[in-house]
Amino acid sequence: MKKIIASPKAPKAVGPYSQAVQCGETLYISGQLPIDGATGIMAEGIEQQTRQSLANLGHILEEAGYSFSDVVKTTVLLNDMGDFAAMNAIYATFFTKDMPARVCYQVAKLPMGAQVEIDAIAVK
C-alpha cells in the first residue's frame, strides 16, 4: 500500500506528482528543485542551489520518519557538468558516511531555470 508524503517545509510540487511516496519501507522522493519552501524563492548559484535541494530532501525525509542515513540512491541532474565539483563539495556535507549509490547527468534544461535537481530513494 502506498502512502503520499508531503512536507510543509519543502516546496509544493510544480506538476501533477507527489513530493514523495512511501511503499512499504521504501520512500521514493521526487526531484527537488532549489526552492525555499517558506518563501518560494529559488536559491542562486550552484552551491546554494545544491544546499537547498538537499535541505528539501531532508525536510521530506524527516516528514516520513527517515534520515539521510536511510538514503540508498540519489540522482543528480545538472544543467552544466562544469558545476560537478561545486555540487559534489556541498553534497559531501549531507552524505558523510556509508554513501548512497548515485548517478549524475547533465541535462539540457531544468524546470524554472534551476541549475540542479536531486531525487532520492530511502529504505528503513
PDB file of N, CA and C in Angstrom:
ATOM      1  N   MET A   1       0.844  -1.180   0.000  1.00  0.00           N
ATOM      2  CA  MET A   1       0.000   0.000   0.000  1.00  0.00           C
ATOM      3  C   MET A   1       0.887   1.241   0.000  1.00  0.00           C
ATOM      4  N   LYS A   2       0.548   2.201  -0.824  1.00  0.00           N
ATOM      5  CA  LYS A   2       1.366   3.399  -0.885  1.00  0.00           C
ATOM      6  C   LYS A   2       0.772   4.517  -0.036  1.00  0.00           C
ATOM      7  N   LYS A   3       1.689   5.344   0.476  1.00  0.00           N
ATOM      8  CA  LYS A   3       1.311   6.479   1.312  1.00  0.00           C
ATOM      9  C   LYS A   3       1.978   7.722   0.729  1.00  0.00           C
ATOM     10  N   ILE A   4       1.200   8.770   0.507  1.00  0.00           N
ATOM     11  CA  ILE A   4       1.731  10.018  -0.015  1.00  0.00           C
ATOM     12  C   ILE A   4       2.345  10.818   1.129  1.00  0.00           C
ATOM     13  N   ILE A   5       3.553  11.309   0.925  1.00  0.00           N
ATOM     14  CA  ILE A   5       4.269  12.103   1.922  1.00  0.00           C
ATOM     15  C   ILE A   5       4.409  13.523   1.387  1.00  0.00           C
ATOM     16  N   ALA A   6       4.078  14.503   2.226  1.00  0.00           N
ATOM     17  CA  ALA A   6       4.250  15.908   1.850  1.00  0.00           C
ATOM     18  C   ALA A   6       4.721  16.683   3.069  1.00  0.00           C
ATOM     19  N   SER A   7       5.819  17.380   2.916  1.00  0.00           N
ATOM     20  CA  SER A   7       6.351  18.221   3.987  1.00  0.00           C
ATOM     21  C   SER A   7       5.975  19.675   3.720  1.00  0.00           C
ATOM     22  N   PRO A   8       5.419  20.357   4.707  1.00  0.00           N
ATOM     23  CA  PRO A   8       5.113  21.778   4.519  1.00  0.00           C
ATOM     24  C   PRO A   8       6.379  22.639   4.439  1.00  0.00           C
ATOM     25  N   LYS A   9       7.529  22.070   4.817  1.00  0.00           N
ATOM     26  CA  LYS A   9       8.796  22.812   4.778  1.00  0.00           C
ATOM     27  C   LYS A   9       9.451  22.783   3.400  1.00  0.00           C
ATOM     28  N   ALA A  10       9.064  21.818   2.582  1.00  0.00           N
ATOM     29  CA  ALA A  10       9.612  21.701   1.226  1.00  0.00           C
ATOM     30  C   ALA A  10       8.635  22.359   0.253  1.00  0.00           C
ATOM     31  N   PRO A  11       9.134  22.789  -0.917  1.00  0.00           N
ATOM     32  CA  PRO A  11       8.224  23.422  -1.877  1.00  0.00           C
ATOM     33  C   PRO A  11       7.198  22.433  -2.407  1.00  0.00           C
ATOM     34  N   LYS A  12       6.037  22.957  -2.715  1.00  0.00           N
ATOM     35  CA  LYS A  12       4.994  22.118  -3.304  1.00  0.00           C
ATOM     36  C   LYS A  12       5.434  21.660  -4.687  1.00  0.00           C
ATOM     37  N   ALA A  13       4.904  20.530  -5.111  1.00  0.00           N
ATOM     38  CA  ALA A  13       5.211  20.006  -6.435  1.00  0.00           C
ATOM     39  C   ALA A  13       4.800  21.026  -7.499  1.00  0.00           C
ATOM     40  N   VAL A  14       5.611  21.149  -8.555  1.00  0.00           N
ATOM     41  CA  VAL A  14       5.307  22.092  -9.622  1.00  0.00           C
ATOM     42  C   VAL A  14       4.547  21.414 -10.765  1.00  0.00           C
ATOM     43  N   GLY A  15       4.040  20.235 -10.518  1.00  0.00           N
ATOM     44  CA  GLY A  15       3.290  19.495 -11.527  1.00  0.00           C
ATOM     45  C   GLY A  15       2.416  18.450 -10.857  1.00  0.00           C
ATOM     46  N   PRO A  16       1.827  17.572 -11.654  1.00  0.00           N
ATOM     47  CA  PRO A  16       0.926  16.547 -11.120  1.00  0.00           C
ATOM     48  C   PRO A  16       1.679  15.336 -10.569  1.00  0.00           C
ATOM     49  N   TYR A  17       2.382  15.541  -9.460  1.00  0.00           N
ATOM     50  CA  TYR A  17       3.114  14.466  -8.803  1.00  0.00           C
ATOM     51  C   TYR A  17       3.209  14.779  -7.318  1.00  0.00           C
ATOM     52  N   SER A  18       3.621  13.805  -6.543  1.00  0.00           N
ATOM     53  CA  SER A  18       3.762  13.956  -5.094  1.00  0.00           C
ATOM     54  C   SER A  18       5.208  14.260  -4.737  1.00  0.00           C
ATOM     55  N   GLN A  19       5.412  14.950  -3.608  1.00  0.00           N
ATOM     56  CA  GLN A  19       6.773  15.164  -3.124  1.00  0.00           C
ATOM     57  C   GLN A  19       7.454  13.818  -2.908  1.00  0.00           C
ATOM     58  N   ALA A  20       6.715  12.878  -2.323  1.00  0.00           N
ATOM     59  CA  ALA A  20       7.281  11.555  -2.064  1.00  0.00           C
ATOM     60  C   ALA A  20       6.153  10.539  -1.921  1.00  0.00           C
ATOM     61  N   VAL A  21       6.507   9.299  -2.155  1.00  0.00           N
ATOM     62  CA  VAL A  21       5.580   8.179  -1.983  1.00  0.00           C
ATOM     63  C   VAL A  21       6.310   7.099  -1.199  1.00  0.00           C
ATOM     64  N   GLN A  22       5.678   6.645  -0.123  1.00  0.00           N
ATOM     65  CA  GLN A  22       6.224   5.542   0.661  1.00  0.00           C
ATOM     66  C   GLN A  22       5.460   4.284   0.293  1.00  0.00           C
ATOM     67  N   CYS A  23       6.204   3.227   0.018  1.00  0.00           N
ATOM     68  CA  CYS A  23       5.618   1.930  -0.299  1.00  0.00           C
ATOM     69  C   CYS A  23       6.371   0.906   0.547  1.00  0.00           C
ATOM     70  N   GLY A  24       5.688   0.375   1.561  1.00  0.00           N
ATOM     71  CA  GLY A  24       6.372  -0.499   2.499  1.00  0.00           C
ATOM     72  C   GLY A  24       7.406   0.303   3.257  1.00  0.00           C
ATOM     73  N   GLU A  25       8.632  -0.181   3.268  1.00  0.00           N
ATOM     74  CA  GLU A  25       9.721   0.501   3.966  1.00  0.00           C
ATOM     75  C   GLU A  25      10.549   1.394   3.043  1.00  0.00           C
ATOM     76  N   THR A  26      10.122   1.518   1.781  1.00  0.00           N
ATOM     77  CA  THR A  26      10.859   2.300   0.799  1.00  0.00           C
ATOM     78  C   THR A  26      10.175   3.632   0.547  1.00  0.00           C
ATOM     79  N   LEU A  27      10.975   4.689   0.536  1.00  0.00           N
ATOM     80  CA  LEU A  27      10.492   6.043   0.293  1.00  0.00           C
ATOM     81  C   LEU A  27      11.102   6.545  -1.010  1.00  0.00           C
ATOM     82  N   TYR A  28      10.252   6.954  -1.937  1.00  0.00           N
ATOM     83  CA  TYR A  28      10.673   7.489  -3.226  1.00  0.00           C
ATOM     84  C   TYR A  28      10.418   8.992  -3.210  1.00  0.00           C
ATOM     85  N   ILE A  29      11.468   9.783  -3.261  1.00  0.00           N
ATOM     86  CA  ILE A  29      11.337  11.238  -3.208  1.00  0.00           C
ATOM     87  C   ILE A  29      11.544  11.811  -4.602  1.00  0.00           C
ATOM     88  N   SER A  30      10.568  12.604  -5.034  1.00  0.00           N
ATOM     89  CA  SER A  30      10.662  13.256  -6.337  1.00  0.00           C
ATOM     90  C   SER A  30      11.823  14.231  -6.367  1.00  0.00           C
ATOM     91  N   GLY A  31      12.255  14.563  -7.567  1.00  0.00           N
ATOM     92  CA  GLY A  31      13.331  15.526  -7.738  1.00  0.00           C
ATOM     93  C   GLY A  31      13.012  16.830  -7.033  1.00  0.00           C
ATOM     94  N   GLN A  32      13.975  17.306  -6.271  1.00  0.00           N
ATOM     95  CA  GLN A  32      13.791  18.540  -5.506  1.00  0.00           C
ATOM     96  C   GLN A  32      14.559  19.675  -6.156  1.00  0.00           C
ATOM     97  N   LEU A  33      13.810  20.687  -6.524  1.00  0.00           N
ATOM     98  CA  LEU A  33      14.409  21.906  -7.044  1.00  0.00           C
ATOM     99  C   LEU A  33      14.915  22.743  -5.877  1.00  0.00           C
ATOM    100  N   PRO A  34      15.803  23.685  -6.139  1.00  0.00           N
ATOM    101  CA  PRO A  34      16.381  24.500  -5.067  1.00  0.00           C
ATOM    102  C   PRO A  34      15.504  25.695  -4.670  1.00  0.00           C
ATOM    103  N   ILE A  35      14.274  25.403  -4.327  1.00  0.00           N
ATOM    104  CA  ILE A  35      13.312  26.443  -3.956  1.00  0.00           C
ATOM    105  C   ILE A  35      13.056  26.368  -2.464  1.00  0.00           C
ATOM    106  N   ASP A  36      13.122  27.497  -1.795  1.00  0.00           N
ATOM    107  CA  ASP A  36      12.818  27.564  -0.368  1.00  0.00           C
ATOM    108  C   ASP A  36      11.316  27.380  -0.199  1.00  0.00           C
ATOM    109  N   GLY A  37      10.913  26.379   0.577  1.00  0.00           N
ATOM    110  CA  GLY A  37       9.506  26.071   0.761  1.00  0.00           C
ATOM    111  C   GLY A  37       8.732  27.177   1.454  1.00  0.00           C
ATOM    112  N   ALA A  38       9.396  27.959   2.296  1.00  0.00           N
ATOM    113  CA  ALA A  38       8.723  29.030   3.039  1.00  0.00           C
ATOM    114  C   ALA A  38       8.519  30.281   2.193  1.00  0.00           C
ATOM    115  N   THR A  39       9.496  30.595   1.347  1.00  0.00           N
ATOM    116  CA  THR A  39       9.431  31.855   0.588  1.00  0.00           C
ATOM    117  C   THR A  39       9.067  31.660  -0.877  1.00  0.00           C
ATOM    118  N   GLY A  40       9.289  30.456  -1.405  1.00  0.00           N
ATOM    119  CA  GLY A  40       9.058  30.211  -2.822  1.00  0.00           C
ATOM    120  C   GLY A  40      10.165  30.762  -3.706  1.00  0.00           C
ATOM    121  N   ILE A  41      11.254  31.209  -3.090  1.00  0.00           N
ATOM    122  CA  ILE A  41      12.363  31.802  -3.838  1.00  0.00           C
ATOM    123  C   ILE A  41      13.420  30.742  -4.139  1.00  0.00           C
ATOM    124  N   MET A  42      13.906  30.776  -5.387  1.00  0.00           N
ATOM    125  CA  MET A  42      14.964  29.847  -5.779  1.00  0.00           C
ATOM    126  C   MET A  42      16.314  30.404  -5.345  1.00  0.00           C
ATOM    127  N   ALA A  43      17.129  29.535  -4.763  1.00  0.00           N
ATOM    128  CA  ALA A  43      18.486  29.909  -4.368  1.00  0.00           C
ATOM    129  C   ALA A  43      19.287  30.285  -5.609  1.00  0.00           C
ATOM    130  N   GLU A  44      20.357  31.055  -5.403  1.00  0.00           N
ATOM    131  CA  GLU A  44      21.223  31.462  -6.514  1.00  0.00           C
ATOM    132  C   GLU A  44      22.579  30.789  -6.392  1.00  0.00           C
ATOM    133  N   GLY A  45      23.151  30.428  -7.519  1.00  0.00           N
ATOM    134  CA  GLY A  45      24.472  29.810  -7.549  1.00  0.00           C
ATOM    135  C   GLY A  45      24.394  28.320  -7.255  1.00  0.00           C
ATOM    136  N   ILE A  46      25.307  27.570  -7.845  1.00  0.00           N
ATOM    137  CA  ILE A  46      25.252  26.111  -7.736  1.00  0.00           C
ATOM    138  C   ILE A  46      25.411  25.620  -6.308  1.00  0.00           C
ATOM    139  N   GLU A  47      26.267  26.260  -5.495  1.00  0.00           N
ATOM    140  CA  GLU A  47      26.439  25.803  -4.116  1.00  0.00           C
ATOM    141  C   GLU A  47      25.150  25.971  -3.315  1.00  0.00           C
ATOM    142  N   GLN A  48      24.566  27.158  -3.380  1.00  0.00           N
ATOM    143  CA  GLN A  48      23.326  27.407  -2.633  1.00  0.00           C
ATOM    144  C   GLN A  48      22.174  26.582  -3.183  1.00  0.00           C
ATOM    145  N   GLN A  49      22.133  26.396  -4.497  1.00  0.00           N
ATOM    146  CA  GLN A  49      21.070  25.583  -5.081  1.00  0.00           C
ATOM    147  C   GLN A  49      21.198  24.123  -4.639  1.00  0.00           C
ATOM    148  N   THR A  50      22.412  23.609  -4.617  1.00  0.00           N
ATOM    149  CA  THR A  50      22.614  22.230  -4.159  1.00  0.00           C
ATOM    150  C   THR A  50      22.218  22.098  -2.697  1.00  0.00           C
ATOM    151  N   ARG A  51      22.636  23.042  -1.885  1.00  0.00           N
ATOM    152  CA  ARG A  51      22.300  23.031  -0.453  1.00  0.00           C
ATOM    153  C   ARG A  51      20.779  23.053  -0.255  1.00  0.00           C
ATOM    154  N   GLN A  52      20.077  23.895  -1.024  1.00  0.00           N
ATOM    155  CA  GLN A  52      18.618  23.992  -0.866  1.00  0.00           C
ATOM    156  C   GLN A  52      17.919  22.728  -1.348  1.00  0.00           C
ATOM    157  N   SER A  53      18.356  22.171  -2.470  1.00  0.00           N
ATOM    158  CA  SER A  53      17.755  20.919  -2.965  1.00  0.00           C
ATOM    159  C   SER A  53      17.909  19.808  -1.934  1.00  0.00           C
ATOM    160  N   LEU A  54      19.093  19.706  -1.343  1.00  0.00           N
ATOM    161  CA  LEU A  54      19.329  18.676  -0.334  1.00  0.00           C
ATOM    162  C   LEU A  54      18.581  18.978   0.964  1.00  0.00           C
ATOM    163  N   ALA A  55      18.457  20.235   1.331  1.00  0.00           N
ATOM    164  CA  ALA A  55      17.654  20.591   2.503  1.00  0.00           C
ATOM    165  C   ALA A  55      16.199  20.189   2.287  1.00  0.00           C
ATOM    166  N   ASN A  56      15.697  20.392   1.070  1.00  0.00           N
ATOM    167  CA  ASN A  56      14.324  19.983   0.756  1.00  0.00           C
ATOM    168  C   ASN A  56      14.165  18.471   0.876  1.00  0.00           C
ATOM    169  N   LEU A  57      15.156  17.716   0.388  1.00  0.00           N
ATOM    170  CA  LEU A  57      15.126  16.260   0.574  1.00  0.00           C
ATOM    171  C   LEU A  57      15.075  15.934   2.066  1.00  0.00           C
ATOM    172  N   GLY A  58      15.861  16.644   2.845  1.00  0.00           N
ATOM    173  CA  GLY A  58      15.887  16.425   4.291  1.00  0.00           C
ATOM    174  C   GLY A  58      14.546  16.676   4.950  1.00  0.00           C
ATOM    175  N   HIS A  59      13.852  17.727   4.525  1.00  0.00           N
ATOM    176  CA  HIS A  59      12.521  18.016   5.082  1.00  0.00           C
ATOM    177  C   HIS A  59      11.552  16.865   4.802  1.00  0.00           C
ATOM    178  N   ILE A  60      11.620  16.346   3.597  1.00  0.00           N
ATOM    179  CA  ILE A  60      10.718  15.244   3.220  1.00  0.00           C
ATOM    180  C   ILE A  60      11.107  13.968   3.950  1.00  0.00           C
ATOM    181  N   LEU A  61      12.396  13.687   4.037  1.00  0.00           N
ATOM    182  CA  LEU A  61      12.845  12.521   4.801  1.00  0.00           C
ATOM    183  C   LEU A  61      12.336  12.606   6.234  1.00  0.00           C
ATOM    184  N   GLU A  62      12.496  13.759   6.855  1.00  0.00           N
ATOM    185  CA  GLU A  62      12.062  13.950   8.242  1.00  0.00           C
ATOM    186  C   GLU A  62      10.549  13.767   8.386  1.00  0.00           C
ATOM    187  N   GLU A  63       9.795  14.314   7.461  1.00  0.00           N
ATOM    188  CA  GLU A  63       8.337  14.192   7.498  1.00  0.00           C
ATOM    189  C   GLU A  63       7.907  12.726   7.488  1.00  0.00           C
ATOM    190  N   ALA A  64       8.659  11.908   6.769  1.00  0.00           N
ATOM    191  CA  ALA A  64       8.333  10.483   6.644  1.00  0.00           C
ATOM    192  C   ALA A  64       8.972   9.635   7.735  1.00  0.00           C
ATOM    193  N   GLY A  65       9.786  10.256   8.605  1.00  0.00           N
ATOM    194  CA  GLY A  65      10.443   9.495   9.664  1.00  0.00           C
ATOM    195  C   GLY A  65      11.738   8.833   9.237  1.00  0.00           C
ATOM    196  N   TYR A  66      12.356   9.359   8.195  1.00  0.00           N
ATOM    197  CA  TYR A  66      13.628   8.846   7.683  1.00  0.00           C
ATOM    198  C   TYR A  66      14.709   9.890   7.918  1.00  0.00           C
ATOM    199  N   SER A  67      15.940   9.532   7.588  1.00  0.00           N
ATOM    200  CA  SER A  67      17.050  10.481   7.662  1.00  0.00           C
ATOM    201  C   SER A  67      17.961  10.259   6.453  1.00  0.00           C
ATOM    202  N   PHE A  68      18.961  11.124   6.317  1.00  0.00           N
ATOM    203  CA  PHE A  68      19.906  10.964   5.209  1.00  0.00           C
ATOM    204  C   PHE A  68      20.624   9.623   5.273  1.00  0.00           C
ATOM    205  N   SER A  69      20.783   9.060   6.459  1.00  0.00           N
ATOM    206  CA  SER A  69      21.461   7.758   6.566  1.00  0.00           C
ATOM    207  C   SER A  69      20.629   6.620   5.985  1.00  0.00           C
ATOM    208  N   ASP A  70      19.328   6.851   5.757  1.00  0.00           N
ATOM    209  CA  ASP A  70      18.457   5.842   5.153  1.00  0.00           C
ATOM    210  C   ASP A  70      18.460   5.896   3.625  1.00  0.00           C
ATOM    211  N   VAL A  71      19.076   6.919   3.047  1.00  0.00           N
ATOM    212  CA  VAL A  71      19.074   7.081   1.593  1.00  0.00           C
ATOM    213  C   VAL A  71      20.012   6.055   0.964  1.00  0.00           C
ATOM    214  N   VAL A  72      19.481   5.321  -0.018  1.00  0.00           N
ATOM    215  CA  VAL A  72      20.271   4.286  -0.690  1.00  0.00           C
ATOM    216  C   VAL A  72      20.668   4.668  -2.114  1.00  0.00           C
ATOM    217  N   LYS A  73      19.966   5.648  -2.701  1.00  0.00           N
ATOM    218  CA  LYS A  73      20.250   6.047  -4.090  1.00  0.00           C
ATOM    219  C   LYS A  73      19.781   7.469  -4.325  1.00  0.00           C
ATOM    220  N   THR A  74      20.582   8.233  -5.043  1.00  0.00           N
ATOM    221  CA  THR A  74      20.171   9.565  -5.484  1.00  0.00           C
ATOM    222  C   THR A  74      20.443   9.710  -6.970  1.00  0.00           C
ATOM    223  N   THR A  75      19.742  10.652  -7.570  1.00  0.00           N
ATOM    224  CA  THR A  75      20.012  11.074  -8.934  1.00  0.00           C
ATOM    225  C   THR A  75      20.197  12.577  -8.893  1.00  0.00           C
ATOM    226  N   VAL A  76      21.295  13.043  -9.463  1.00  0.00           N
ATOM    227  CA  VAL A  76      21.574  14.475  -9.528  1.00  0.00           C
ATOM    228  C   VAL A  76      21.506  14.897 -10.989  1.00  0.00           C
ATOM    229  N   LEU A  77      20.706  15.903 -11.255  1.00  0.00           N
ATOM    230  CA  LEU A  77      20.611  16.474 -12.594  1.00  0.00           C
ATOM    231  C   LEU A  77      21.238  17.858 -12.562  1.00  0.00           C
ATOM    232  N   LEU A  78      22.199  18.087 -13.433  1.00  0.00           N
ATOM    233  CA  LEU A  78      22.867  19.384 -13.537  1.00  0.00           C
ATOM    234  C   LEU A  78      22.629  19.959 -14.928  1.00  0.00           C
ATOM    235  N   ASN A  79      22.478  21.262 -15.014  1.00  0.00           N
ATOM    236  CA  ASN A  79      22.373  21.826 -16.364  1.00  0.00           C
ATOM    237  C   ASN A  79      23.755  22.152 -16.936  1.00  0.00           C
ATOM    238  N   ASP A  80      24.808  21.984 -16.120  1.00  0.00           N
ATOM    239  CA  ASP A  80      26.177  22.189 -16.593  1.00  0.00           C
ATOM    240  C   ASP A  80      27.108  21.268 -15.808  1.00  0.00           C
ATOM    241  N   MET A  81      27.689  20.295 -16.476  1.00  0.00           N
ATOM    242  CA  MET A  81      28.580  19.359 -15.802  1.00  0.00           C
ATOM    243  C   MET A  81      29.818  20.070 -15.257  1.00  0.00           C
ATOM    244  N   GLY A  82      30.056  21.282 -15.695  1.00  0.00           N
ATOM    245  CA  GLY A  82      31.132  22.084 -15.137  1.00  0.00           C
ATOM    246  C   GLY A  82      30.890  22.421 -13.668  1.00  0.00           C
ATOM    247  N   ASP A  83      29.650  22.273 -13.199  1.00  0.00           N
ATOM    248  CA  ASP A  83      29.300  22.517 -11.799  1.00  0.00           C
ATOM    249  C   ASP A  83      29.473  21.279 -10.921  1.00  0.00           C
ATOM    250  N   PHE A  84      29.972  20.184 -11.510  1.00  0.00           N
ATOM    251  CA  PHE A  84      30.054  18.915 -10.777  1.00  0.00           C
ATOM    252  C   PHE A  84      30.855  19.032  -9.484  1.00  0.00           C
ATOM    253  N   ALA A  85      32.034  19.614  -9.528  1.00  0.00           N
ATOM    254  CA  ALA A  85      32.890  19.695  -8.333  1.00  0.00           C
ATOM    255  C   ALA A  85      32.237  20.537  -7.240  1.00  0.00           C
ATOM    256  N   ALA A  86      31.640  21.664  -7.610  1.00  0.00           N
ATOM    257  CA  ALA A  86      30.988  22.531  -6.623  1.00  0.00           C
ATOM    258  C   ALA A  86      29.788  21.819  -6.009  1.00  0.00           C
ATOM    259  N   MET A  87      28.985  21.142  -6.831  1.00  0.00           N
ATOM    260  CA  MET A  87      27.843  20.376  -6.319  1.00  0.00           C
ATOM    261  C   MET A  87      28.338  19.282  -5.389  1.00  0.00           C
ATOM    262  N   ASN A  88      29.380  18.573  -5.805  1.00  0.00           N
ATOM    263  CA  ASN A  88      29.911  17.447  -5.035  1.00  0.00           C
ATOM    264  C   ASN A  88      30.400  17.892  -3.654  1.00  0.00           C
ATOM    265  N   ALA A  89      31.005  19.064  -3.576  1.00  0.00           N
ATOM    266  CA  ALA A  89      31.512  19.569  -2.300  1.00  0.00           C
ATOM    267  C   ALA A  89      30.363  19.790  -1.309  1.00  0.00           C
ATOM    268  N   ILE A  90      29.261  20.324  -1.767  1.00  0.00           N
ATOM    269  CA  ILE A  90      28.095  20.532  -0.888  1.00  0.00           C
ATOM    270  C   ILE A  90      27.434  19.192  -0.582  1.00  0.00           C
ATOM    271  N   TYR A  91      27.275  18.357  -1.585  1.00  0.00           N
ATOM    272  CA  TYR A  91      26.665  17.030  -1.426  1.00  0.00           C
ATOM    273  C   TYR A  91      27.383  16.241  -0.331  1.00  0.00           C
ATOM    274  N   ALA A  92      28.702  16.335  -0.302  1.00  0.00           N
ATOM    275  CA  ALA A  92      29.504  15.594   0.677  1.00  0.00           C
ATOM    276  C   ALA A  92      29.273  16.057   2.105  1.00  0.00           C
ATOM    277  N   THR A  93      28.689  17.224   2.312  1.00  0.00           N
ATOM    278  CA  THR A  93      28.383  17.684   3.670  1.00  0.00           C
ATOM    279  C   THR A  93      27.068  17.095   4.175  1.00  0.00           C
ATOM    280  N   PHE A  94      26.233  16.587   3.278  1.00  0.00           N
ATOM    281  CA  PHE A  94      24.966  15.965   3.659  1.00  0.00           C
ATOM    282  C   PHE A  94      25.109  14.452   3.786  1.00  0.00           C
ATOM    283  N   PHE A  95      25.942  13.854   2.942  1.00  0.00           N
ATOM    284  CA  PHE A  95      26.193  12.415   2.978  1.00  0.00           C
ATOM    285  C   PHE A  95      27.643  12.224   3.407  1.00  0.00           C
ATOM    286  N   THR A  96      27.834  11.863   4.669  1.00  0.00           N
ATOM    287  CA  THR A  96      29.186  11.828   5.228  1.00  0.00           C
ATOM    288  C   THR A  96      29.678  10.422   5.548  1.00  0.00           C
ATOM    289  N   LYS A  97      28.791   9.435   5.513  1.00  0.00           N
ATOM    290  CA  LYS A  97      29.156   8.070   5.868  1.00  0.00           C
ATOM    291  C   LYS A  97      28.260   7.105   5.108  1.00  0.00           C
ATOM    292  N   ASP A  98      28.791   5.957   4.722  1.00  0.00           N
ATOM    293  CA  ASP A  98      28.005   4.952   4.001  1.00  0.00           C
ATOM    294  C   ASP A  98      27.216   5.610   2.868  1.00  0.00           C
ATOM    295  N   MET A  99      27.940   6.177   1.925  1.00  0.00           N
ATOM    296  CA  MET A  99      27.350   6.950   0.825  1.00  0.00           C
ATOM    297  C   MET A  99      26.338   6.133   0.033  1.00  0.00           C
ATOM    298  N   PRO A 100      25.258   6.793  -0.382  1.00  0.00           N
ATOM    299  CA  PRO A 100      24.293   6.108  -1.246  1.00  0.00           C
ATOM    300  C   PRO A 100      24.864   5.944  -2.655  1.00  0.00           C
ATOM    301  N   ALA A 101      24.286   5.041  -3.407  1.00  0.00           N
ATOM    302  CA  ALA A 101      24.609   4.954  -4.826  1.00  0.00           C
ATOM    303  C   ALA A 101      24.115   6.247  -5.479  1.00  0.00           C
ATOM    304  N   ARG A 102      24.729   6.620  -6.605  1.00  0.00           N
ATOM    305  CA  ARG A 102      24.330   7.884  -7.228  1.00  0.00           C
ATOM    306  C   ARG A 102      24.650   7.868  -8.705  1.00  0.00           C
ATOM    307  N   VAL A 103      23.813   8.545  -9.465  1.00  0.00           N
ATOM    308  CA  VAL A 103      24.136   8.886 -10.845  1.00  0.00           C
ATOM    309  C   VAL A 103      24.019  10.392 -10.973  1.00  0.00           C
ATOM    310  N   CYS A 104      24.765  10.946 -11.914  1.00  0.00           N
ATOM    311  CA  CYS A 104      24.716  12.382 -12.157  1.00  0.00           C
ATOM    312  C   CYS A 104      24.708  12.593 -13.665  1.00  0.00           C
ATOM    313  N   TYR A 105      23.743  13.361 -14.130  1.00  0.00           N
ATOM    314  CA  TYR A 105      23.603  13.633 -15.559  1.00  0.00           C
ATOM    315  C   TYR A 105      23.620  15.131 -15.817  1.00  0.00           C
ATOM    316  N   GLN A 106      24.142  15.503 -16.965  1.00  0.00           N
ATOM    317  CA  GLN A 106      23.928  16.860 -17.457  1.00  0.00           C
ATOM    318  C   GLN A 106      22.699  16.805 -18.340  1.00  0.00           C
ATOM    319  N   VAL A 107      21.797  17.751 -18.132  1.00  0.00           N
ATOM    320  CA  VAL A 107      20.564  17.814 -18.911  1.00  0.00           C
ATOM    321  C   VAL A 107      20.501  19.148 -19.641  1.00  0.00           C
ATOM    322  N   ALA A 108      19.684  19.210 -20.664  1.00  0.00           N
ATOM    323  CA  ALA A 108      19.586  20.428 -21.468  1.00  0.00           C
ATOM    324  C   ALA A 108      18.965  21.582 -20.693  1.00  0.00           C
ATOM    325  N   LYS A 109      17.969  21.268 -19.850  1.00  0.00           N
ATOM    326  CA  LYS A 109      17.274  22.330 -19.130  1.00  0.00           C
ATOM    327  C   LYS A 109      16.516  21.710 -17.965  1.00  0.00           C
ATOM    328  N   LEU A 110      16.455  22.447 -16.856  1.00  0.00           N
ATOM    329  CA  LEU A 110      15.694  22.014 -15.689  1.00  0.00           C
ATOM    330  C   LEU A 110      14.515  22.955 -15.474  1.00  0.00           C
ATOM    331  N   PRO A 111      13.464  22.487 -14.783  1.00  0.00           N
ATOM    332  CA  PRO A 111      12.311  23.341 -14.547  1.00  0.00           C
ATOM    333  C   PRO A 111      12.683  24.645 -13.848  1.00  0.00           C
ATOM    334  N   MET A 112      12.022  25.702 -14.235  1.00  0.00           N
ATOM    335  CA  MET A 112      12.132  27.016 -13.604  1.00  0.00           C
ATOM    336  C   MET A 112      13.548  27.600 -13.669  1.00  0.00           C
ATOM    337  N   GLY A 113      14.372  27.094 -14.591  1.00  0.00           N
ATOM    338  CA  GLY A 113      15.716  27.622 -14.757  1.00  0.00           C
ATOM    339  C   GLY A 113      16.705  27.182 -13.690  1.00  0.00           C
ATOM    340  N   ALA A 114      16.369  26.142 -12.937  1.00  0.00           N
ATOM    341  CA  ALA A 114      17.270  25.647 -11.886  1.00  0.00           C
ATOM    342  C   ALA A 114      18.561  25.124 -12.497  1.00  0.00           C
ATOM    343  N   GLN A 115      19.630  25.151 -11.690  1.00  0.00           N
ATOM    344  CA  GLN A 115      20.916  24.602 -12.106  1.00  0.00           C
ATOM    345  C   GLN A 115      21.076  23.150 -11.660  1.00  0.00           C
ATOM    346  N   VAL A 116      20.267  22.718 -10.663  1.00  0.00           N
ATOM    347  CA  VAL A 116      20.384  21.368 -10.118  1.00  0.00           C
ATOM    348  C   VAL A 116      19.018  20.885  -9.649  1.00  0.00           C
ATOM    349  N   GLU A 117      18.812  19.583  -9.731  1.00  0.00           N
ATOM    350  CA  GLU A 117      17.640  18.921  -9.179  1.00  0.00           C
ATOM    351  C   GLU A 117      18.116  17.557  -8.667  1.00  0.00           C
ATOM    352  N   ILE A 118      17.642  17.170  -7.477  1.00  0.00           N
ATOM    353  CA  ILE A 118      18.111  15.923  -6.873  1.00  0.00           C
ATOM    354  C   ILE A 118      16.922  15.128  -6.362  1.00  0.00           C
ATOM    355  N   ASP A 119      16.880  13.835  -6.694  1.00  0.00           N
ATOM    356  CA  ASP A 119      15.859  12.941  -6.149  1.00  0.00           C
ATOM    357  C   ASP A 119      16.543  11.892  -5.293  1.00  0.00           C
ATOM    358  N   ALA A 120      15.746  11.096  -4.575  1.00  0.00           N
ATOM    359  CA  ALA A 120      16.326  10.091  -3.680  1.00  0.00           C
ATOM    360  C   ALA A 120      15.383   8.932  -3.451  1.00  0.00           C
ATOM    361  N   ILE A 121      15.974   7.811  -3.109  1.00  0.00           N
ATOM    362  CA  ILE A 121      15.249   6.638  -2.626  1.00  0.00           C
ATOM    363  C   ILE A 121      15.854   6.282  -1.268  1.00  0.00           C
ATOM    364  N   ALA A 122      14.983   6.100  -0.273  1.00  0.00           N
ATOM    365  CA  ALA A 122      15.433   5.745   1.071  1.00  0.00           C
ATOM    366  C   ALA A 122      14.724   4.482   1.512  1.00  0.00           C
ATOM    367  N   VAL A 123      15.409   3.686   2.335  1.00  0.00           N
ATOM    368  CA  VAL A 123      14.841   2.431   2.833  1.00  0.00           C
ATOM    369  C   VAL A 123      15.128   2.324   4.329  1.00  0.00           C
ATOM    370  N   LYS A 124      14.117   1.930   5.083  1.00  0.00           N
ATOM    371  CA  LYS A 124      14.276   1.699   6.527  1.00  0.00           C
ATOM    372  C   LYS A 124      14.770   0.292   6.735  1.00  0.00           C
TER     373      LYS A 124
END
